[in-house]
Each structure stands twice: as C-alpha cells, then as structure tokens.
Amino acid sequence: MVFTARFPAASSVLRLSASLLAGAALLAACSPALDWRDVRPKDVNILLTYPCKPEQIAQDVILAGQKVKMSMTGCVADKMTFALAHARLPSPTLAAQALGQLHQAAVGNVRGTVTASAPAAVRNATPGLADSLDLGITGQSPDGKPVRERVLLFSQGSSVYQVTAFAPTDTFKDEAAQTFAQSVNLSPSP
C-alpha cells in the first residue's frame, strides 16, 4: 500500500518517525511470537532480519530541505514494532543534515532522552557522519505511557536509513532489539 501525505516543512521532520511507526503498526502483521526471517525490502539496498512478516508503505516528507519519498518497512510482533525507514536524497551531501533531522525526530517524537549513544557500526555505510549513531532512547507515548526505542541511523551515498525497535517500556525486549539492529546487512554501493 502506498500513500502520500503533505506536511509543512517545519513539522514534517518532528512528526516523521511517529507517522511512519504509526503506519507500520496499522499495516503490520501481528503475531504473539518472534518468528525471525530475512527480508530485503523492495527497492532498498539492505537485508534485515525481522521477527514478523513486514509490510511496506511510502510517504512524501521534507528531509534536508527536500521533498523525498520515504519508505517504511515494518511489522509488530510480541508487542514491539520493528521498522526500517529509508529515503533517497537528491545528493549525498544532504545525508549528514538528514541524519541529524532523523535523530532529532526520533528523540522529539517521544519527548525522550538518549540513554545510550555510540557510532553506528554498519558495514558499507558512509563513515564519519556525526549523526550516524546507534541510540537507546526512553520517552513517552502521546498518552504519556513510558516507551523505549533502539534506533540505528546511517547512510550510504544519497540514501539514509533509520532502523527502529520500539515498544512500551514494559514490553520492550533488549534481545529482540539487539537481534534486529545487528541483522543490518547493507550491500556495497551499486
């Protein structure tokens, strides 16, 4: 399913992650157990191991000052959301700015605090970008309930990626988030 939404430039970045995660939850195939499988999302240069069968949606967003199509491939399993957001920018020079905006949105959408931060260790990713990070985030859902996120931000050429495992704090499973984050297999640049 593909849909298009228009957002004002200032608010789209702040609503970006929440909008895409909400879309994943709506389209996701829910299952009570984690059933891991390798998935290569359509038109994306990456292989991930998901614990459920993901669905893919796309949405127009403003990122690094550019209107781009962002795809999101995600699913919900065992009360956790597992998602990959991907956008192709017009130029690789915009990747650093886009990653910074995705970082800010991931924290801001949950009124969160970064509890862990390390450089993203993704083979074949663009090295040395400040916001190419592996983050642990605690925050709140819109209804004020505590949530946790594991967010991996990185780029390759003009493509930016956000890999997210997200759940209410009481159902967040560190092992599942770790398995998902460590499964990233980014192909060499085409």
C-alpha atoms as a PDB file:
ATOM      1  CA  MET A   1       0.000   0.000   0.000  1.00  0.00           C
ATOM      2  CA  VAL A   2       1.365   3.416  -0.941  1.00  0.00           C
ATOM      3  CA  PHE A   3       0.013   6.696   0.344  1.00  0.00           C
ATOM      4  CA  THR A   4       1.062  10.291   0.044  1.00  0.00           C
ATOM      5  CA  ALA A   5       0.698  12.960   2.698  1.00  0.00           C
ATOM      6  CA  ARG A   6       1.770  16.573   2.663  1.00  0.00           C
ATOM      7  CA  PHE A   7       3.230  18.175   5.763  1.00  0.00           C
ATOM      8  CA  PRO A   8       4.500  21.687   6.394  1.00  0.00           C
ATOM      9  CA  ALA A   9       8.309  21.614   6.257  1.00  0.00           C
ATOM     10  CA  ALA A  10       8.850  22.508   9.913  1.00  0.00           C
ATOM     11  CA  SER A  11       6.516  19.920  11.347  1.00  0.00           C
ATOM     12  CA  SER A  12       7.251  17.023   8.995  1.00  0.00           C
ATOM     13  CA  VAL A  13      10.637  16.215  10.489  1.00  0.00           C
ATOM     14  CA  LEU A  14       9.278  16.261  14.034  1.00  0.00           C
ATOM     15  CA  ARG A  15       6.353  14.026  13.074  1.00  0.00           C
ATOM     16  CA  LEU A  16       8.285  11.838  10.661  1.00  0.00           C
ATOM     17  CA  SER A  17       9.223   8.891  12.886  1.00  0.00           C
ATOM     18  CA  ALA A  18       5.909   8.858  14.754  1.00  0.00           C
ATOM     19  CA  SER A  19       3.952   8.966  11.499  1.00  0.00           C
ATOM     20  CA  LEU A  20       5.923   6.132   9.940  1.00  0.00           C
ATOM     21  CA  LEU A  21       5.826   3.977  13.087  1.00  0.00           C
ATOM     22  CA  ALA A  22       2.081   4.522  13.369  1.00  0.00           C
ATOM     23  CA  GLY A  23       1.748   3.464   9.733  1.00  0.00           C
ATOM     24  CA  ALA A  24       3.742   0.323  10.414  1.00  0.00           C
ATOM     25  CA  ALA A  25       1.539  -0.542  13.347  1.00  0.00           C
ATOM     26  CA  LEU A  26      -1.585  -0.129  11.204  1.00  0.00           C
ATOM     27  CA  LEU A  27      -0.268  -2.254   8.349  1.00  0.00           C
ATOM     28  CA  ALA A  28       1.693  -4.755  10.385  1.00  0.00           C
ATOM     29  CA  ALA A  29       1.012  -8.426  10.597  1.00  0.00           C
ATOM     30  CA  CYS A  30       0.768  -9.045  14.340  1.00  0.00           C
ATOM     31  CA  SER A  31       1.961 -12.223  15.923  1.00  0.00           C
ATOM     32  CA  PRO A  32       2.404 -13.279  19.528  1.00  0.00           C
ATOM     33  CA  ALA A  33       5.858 -14.822  18.986  1.00  0.00           C
ATOM     34  CA  LEU A  34       9.046 -13.748  17.283  1.00  0.00           C
ATOM     35  CA  ASP A  35       9.416 -15.643  14.001  1.00  0.00           C
ATOM     36  CA  TRP A  36      12.707 -14.341  12.549  1.00  0.00           C
ATOM     37  CA  ARG A  37      13.193 -14.200   8.750  1.00  0.00           C
ATOM     38  CA  ASP A  38      15.493 -12.364   6.331  1.00  0.00           C
ATOM     39  CA  VAL A  39      13.772  -9.600   4.351  1.00  0.00           C
ATOM     40  CA  ARG A  40      15.077  -7.442   1.523  1.00  0.00           C
ATOM     41  CA  PRO A  41      12.611  -4.523   1.200  1.00  0.00           C
ATOM     42  CA  LYS A  42      11.618  -3.607  -2.350  1.00  0.00           C
ATOM     43  CA  ASP A  43      13.910  -1.015  -3.966  1.00  0.00           C
ATOM     44  CA  VAL A  44      16.171  -0.741  -0.884  1.00  0.00           C
ATOM     45  CA  ASN A  45      19.842  -1.817  -0.803  1.00  0.00           C
ATOM     46  CA  ILE A  46      19.603  -3.684   2.513  1.00  0.00           C
ATOM     47  CA  LEU A  47      18.793  -7.048   4.078  1.00  0.00           C
ATOM     48  CA  LEU A  48      17.331  -7.224   7.599  1.00  0.00           C
ATOM     49  CA  THR A  49      16.110 -10.000   9.849  1.00  0.00           C
ATOM     50  CA  TYR A  50      12.558  -9.241  11.010  1.00  0.00           C
ATOM     51  CA  PRO A  51      10.684 -11.184  13.717  1.00  0.00           C
ATOM     52  CA  CYS A  52       7.460 -10.973  11.699  1.00  0.00           C
ATOM     53  CA  LYS A  53       6.315 -10.501   8.098  1.00  0.00           C
ATOM     54  CA  PRO A  54       6.688  -6.774   7.342  1.00  0.00           C
ATOM     55  CA  GLU A  55       4.569  -4.552   5.137  1.00  0.00           C
ATOM     56  CA  GLN A  56       5.972  -1.626   3.177  1.00  0.00           C
ATOM     57  CA  ILE A  57       4.450   1.854   2.890  1.00  0.00           C
ATOM     58  CA  ALA A  58       5.741   5.129   1.445  1.00  0.00           C
ATOM     59  CA  GLN A  59       5.104   8.764   2.226  1.00  0.00           C
ATOM     60  CA  ASP A  60       6.345  12.097   0.919  1.00  0.00           C
ATOM     61  CA  VAL A  61       8.299  14.010   3.579  1.00  0.00           C
ATOM     62  CA  ILE A  62      10.553  17.046   3.775  1.00  0.00           C
ATOM     63  CA  LEU A  63      14.064  15.917   4.700  1.00  0.00           C
ATOM     64  CA  ALA A  64      17.214  18.054   4.458  1.00  0.00           C
ATOM     65  CA  GLY A  65      15.051  20.736   2.852  1.00  0.00           C
ATOM     66  CA  GLN A  66      13.978  18.405   0.040  1.00  0.00           C
ATOM     67  CA  LYS A  67      10.677  16.711  -0.689  1.00  0.00           C
ATOM     68  CA  VAL A  68      11.529  12.997  -0.860  1.00  0.00           C
ATOM     69  CA  LYS A  69       9.679   9.705  -0.782  1.00  0.00           C
ATOM     70  CA  MET A  70      10.365   7.832   2.434  1.00  0.00           C
ATOM     71  CA  SER A  71       9.559   4.138   2.501  1.00  0.00           C
ATOM     72  CA  MET A  72       8.983   2.262   5.702  1.00  0.00           C
ATOM     73  CA  THR A  73       9.053  -1.486   6.058  1.00  0.00           C
ATOM     74  CA  GLY A  74       7.763  -2.679   9.393  1.00  0.00           C
ATOM     75  CA  CYS A  75       5.770  -5.074  11.490  1.00  0.00           C
ATOM     76  CA  VAL A  76       4.633  -5.682  15.052  1.00  0.00           C
ATOM     77  CA  ALA A  77       5.480  -8.831  16.984  1.00  0.00           C
ATOM     78  CA  ASP A  78       5.234  -9.593  20.677  1.00  0.00           C
ATOM     79  CA  LYS A  79       4.043  -6.007  21.361  1.00  0.00           C
ATOM     80  CA  MET A  80       7.143  -4.459  19.709  1.00  0.00           C
ATOM     81  CA  THR A  81       7.354  -2.523  16.439  1.00  0.00           C
ATOM     82  CA  PHE A  82      10.297  -3.283  14.131  1.00  0.00           C
ATOM     83  CA  ALA A  83      10.795  -0.824  11.271  1.00  0.00           C
ATOM     84  CA  LEU A  84      13.177   0.377   8.595  1.00  0.00           C
ATOM     85  CA  ALA A  85      12.705   3.883   7.209  1.00  0.00           C
ATOM     86  CA  HIS A  86      14.612   4.706   4.016  1.00  0.00           C
ATOM     87  CA  ALA A  87      14.833   7.796   1.817  1.00  0.00           C
ATOM     88  CA  ARG A  88      16.915   8.589  -1.228  1.00  0.00           C
ATOM     89  CA  LEU A  89      18.073  12.215  -1.285  1.00  0.00           C
ATOM     90  CA  PRO A  90      18.961  14.172  -4.433  1.00  0.00           C
ATOM     91  CA  SER A  91      22.619  14.371  -3.320  1.00  0.00           C
ATOM     92  CA  PRO A  92      24.928  12.553  -0.882  1.00  0.00           C
ATOM     93  CA  THR A  93      25.924  15.966   0.507  1.00  0.00           C
ATOM     94  CA  LEU A  94      22.487  16.153   2.188  1.00  0.00           C
ATOM     95  CA  ALA A  95      22.901  12.892   4.149  1.00  0.00           C
ATOM     96  CA  ALA A  96      24.502  14.459   7.243  1.00  0.00           C
ATOM     97  CA  GLN A  97      21.706  17.028   7.568  1.00  0.00           C
ATOM     98  CA  ALA A  98      19.024  14.358   7.024  1.00  0.00           C
ATOM     99  CA  LEU A  99      20.545  12.068   9.675  1.00  0.00           C
ATOM    100  CA  GLY A 100      20.590  14.971  12.126  1.00  0.00           C
ATOM    101  CA  GLN A 101      16.902  15.594  11.483  1.00  0.00           C
ATOM    102  CA  LEU A 102      16.045  11.895  11.875  1.00  0.00           C
ATOM    103  CA  HIS A 103      17.999  11.820  15.157  1.00  0.00           C
ATOM    104  CA  GLN A 104      16.148  14.893  16.429  1.00  0.00           C
ATOM    105  CA  ALA A 105      12.770  13.459  15.359  1.00  0.00           C
ATOM    106  CA  ALA A 106      13.408  10.055  16.977  1.00  0.00           C
ATOM    107  CA  VAL A 107      14.069  11.746  20.331  1.00  0.00           C
ATOM    108  CA  GLY A 108      11.477  14.514  19.962  1.00  0.00           C
ATOM    109  CA  ASN A 109       8.579  12.297  18.923  1.00  0.00           C
ATOM    110  CA  VAL A 110       8.665  10.526  22.281  1.00  0.00           C
ATOM    111  CA  ARG A 111       9.727  13.616  24.276  1.00  0.00           C
ATOM    112  CA  GLY A 112      12.688  11.407  25.006  1.00  0.00           C
ATOM    113  CA  THR A 113      16.114  11.203  26.495  1.00  0.00           C
ATOM    114  CA  VAL A 114      19.054   9.451  24.878  1.00  0.00           C
ATOM    115  CA  THR A 115      20.193   6.773  27.341  1.00  0.00           C
ATOM    116  CA  ALA A 116      22.879   5.213  25.133  1.00  0.00           C
ATOM    117  CA  SER A 117      24.770   6.511  22.116  1.00  0.00           C
ATOM    118  CA  ALA A 118      27.554   5.010  20.041  1.00  0.00           C
ATOM    119  CA  PRO A 119      28.720   5.383  16.450  1.00  0.00           C
ATOM    120  CA  ALA A 120      26.699   3.124  14.146  1.00  0.00           C
ATOM    121  CA  ALA A 121      28.772   0.115  13.135  1.00  0.00           C
ATOM    122  CA  VAL A 122      27.227  -0.746   9.771  1.00  0.00           C
ATOM    123  CA  ARG A 123      29.459  -2.279   7.114  1.00  0.00           C
ATOM    124  CA  ASN A 124      29.328  -0.407   3.755  1.00  0.00           C
ATOM    125  CA  ALA A 125      27.753   2.703   5.346  1.00  0.00           C
ATOM    126  CA  THR A 126      29.202   6.176   4.785  1.00  0.00           C
ATOM    127  CA  PRO A 127      31.823   6.636   7.528  1.00  0.00           C
ATOM    128  CA  GLY A 128      32.371   9.658   9.735  1.00  0.00           C
ATOM    129  CA  LEU A 129      28.950  11.366   9.801  1.00  0.00           C
ATOM    130  CA  ALA A 130      28.157  12.868  13.220  1.00  0.00           C
ATOM    131  CA  ASP A 131      24.603  11.522  13.417  1.00  0.00           C
ATOM    132  CA  SER A 132      25.407   8.039  12.120  1.00  0.00           C
ATOM    133  CA  LEU A 133      24.513   6.583  15.510  1.00  0.00           C
ATOM    134  CA  ASP A 134      23.192   3.615  17.463  1.00  0.00           C
ATOM    135  CA  LEU A 135      20.853   5.104  20.089  1.00  0.00           C
ATOM    136  CA  GLY A 136      18.905   3.935  23.106  1.00  0.00           C
ATOM    137  CA  ILE A 137      16.013   6.287  23.873  1.00  0.00           C
ATOM    138  CA  THR A 138      13.448   6.420  26.678  1.00  0.00           C
ATOM    139  CA  GLY A 139      10.399   8.629  26.442  1.00  0.00           C
ATOM    140  CA  GLN A 140       6.633   8.795  26.448  1.00  0.00           C
ATOM    141  CA  SER A 141       3.872   7.823  24.048  1.00  0.00           C
ATOM    142  CA  PRO A 142       1.312  10.531  23.163  1.00  0.00           C
ATOM    143  CA  ASP A 143      -0.861   9.269  26.039  1.00  0.00           C
ATOM    144  CA  GLY A 144       2.038   9.663  28.498  1.00  0.00           C
ATOM    145  CA  LYS A 145       2.977   5.998  28.910  1.00  0.00           C
ATOM    146  CA  PRO A 146       6.712   5.177  29.091  1.00  0.00           C
ATOM    147  CA  VAL A 147       8.316   3.821  25.899  1.00  0.00           C
ATOM    148  CA  ARG A 148      11.749   2.668  24.763  1.00  0.00           C
ATOM    149  CA  GLU A 149      13.424   2.776  21.358  1.00  0.00           C
ATOM    150  CA  ARG A 150      16.557   1.356  19.831  1.00  0.00           C
ATOM    151  CA  VAL A 151      17.399   3.498  16.790  1.00  0.00           C
ATOM    152  CA  LEU A 152      20.194   2.933  14.283  1.00  0.00           C
ATOM    153  CA  LEU A 153      20.887   5.866  11.902  1.00  0.00           C
ATOM    154  CA  PHE A 154      23.258   5.612   8.927  1.00  0.00           C
ATOM    155  CA  SER A 155      23.649   6.474   5.268  1.00  0.00           C
ATOM    156  CA  GLN A 156      25.172   5.169   2.070  1.00  0.00           C
ATOM    157  CA  GLY A 157      25.684   7.663  -0.736  1.00  0.00           C
ATOM    158  CA  SER A 158      22.426   9.595  -1.113  1.00  0.00           C
ATOM    159  CA  SER A 159      20.356   7.057   0.870  1.00  0.00           C
ATOM    160  CA  VAL A 160      19.577   7.499   4.567  1.00  0.00           C
ATOM    161  CA  TYR A 161      18.316   4.728   6.830  1.00  0.00           C
ATOM    162  CA  GLN A 162      16.658   4.532  10.235  1.00  0.00           C
ATOM    163  CA  VAL A 163      16.286   1.089  11.826  1.00  0.00           C
ATOM    164  CA  THR A 164      13.987   1.162  14.863  1.00  0.00           C
ATOM    165  CA  ALA A 165      12.761  -1.259  17.512  1.00  0.00           C
ATOM    166  CA  PHE A 166      10.072   0.425  19.602  1.00  0.00           C
ATOM    167  CA  ALA A 167       7.720  -0.638  22.420  1.00  0.00           C
ATOM    168  CA  PRO A 168       6.121   0.369  25.688  1.00  0.00           C
ATOM    169  CA  THR A 169       8.787   0.051  28.371  1.00  0.00           C
ATOM    170  CA  ASP A 170       7.135  -2.973  29.993  1.00  0.00           C
ATOM    171  CA  THR A 171       7.132  -4.957  26.716  1.00  0.00           C
ATOM    172  CA  PHE A 172      10.465  -3.794  25.259  1.00  0.00           C
ATOM    173  CA  LYS A 173      12.840  -6.722  24.805  1.00  0.00           C
ATOM    174  CA  ASP A 174      16.526  -5.784  24.640  1.00  0.00           C
ATOM    175  CA  GLU A 175      17.470  -9.098  22.981  1.00  0.00           C
ATOM    176  CA  ALA A 176      14.919  -8.641  20.184  1.00  0.00           C
ATOM    177  CA  ALA A 177      16.027  -5.037  19.583  1.00  0.00           C
ATOM    178  CA  GLN A 178      19.674  -6.160  19.540  1.00  0.00           C
ATOM    179  CA  THR A 179      18.957  -9.005  17.104  1.00  0.00           C
ATOM    180  CA  PHE A 180      17.127  -6.627  14.755  1.00  0.00           C
ATOM    181  CA  ALA A 181      19.824  -3.917  14.898  1.00  0.00           C
ATOM    182  CA  GLN A 182      22.668  -6.390  14.402  1.00  0.00           C
ATOM    183  CA  SER A 183      20.952  -8.004  11.416  1.00  0.00           C
ATOM    184  CA  VAL A 184      21.539  -4.978   9.171  1.00  0.00           C
ATOM    185  CA  ASN A 185      23.301  -6.142   6.029  1.00  0.00           C
ATOM    186  CA  LEU A 186      23.887  -3.132   3.774  1.00  0.00           C
ATOM    187  CA  SER A 187      25.032  -4.171   0.306  1.00  0.00           C
ATOM    188  CA  PRO A 188      28.050  -2.396  -1.184  1.00  0.00           C
ATOM    189  CA  SER A 189      27.192   0.743  -3.154  1.00  0.00           C
ATOM    190  CA  PRO A 190      25.748  -0.170  -6.532  1.00  0.00           C
END
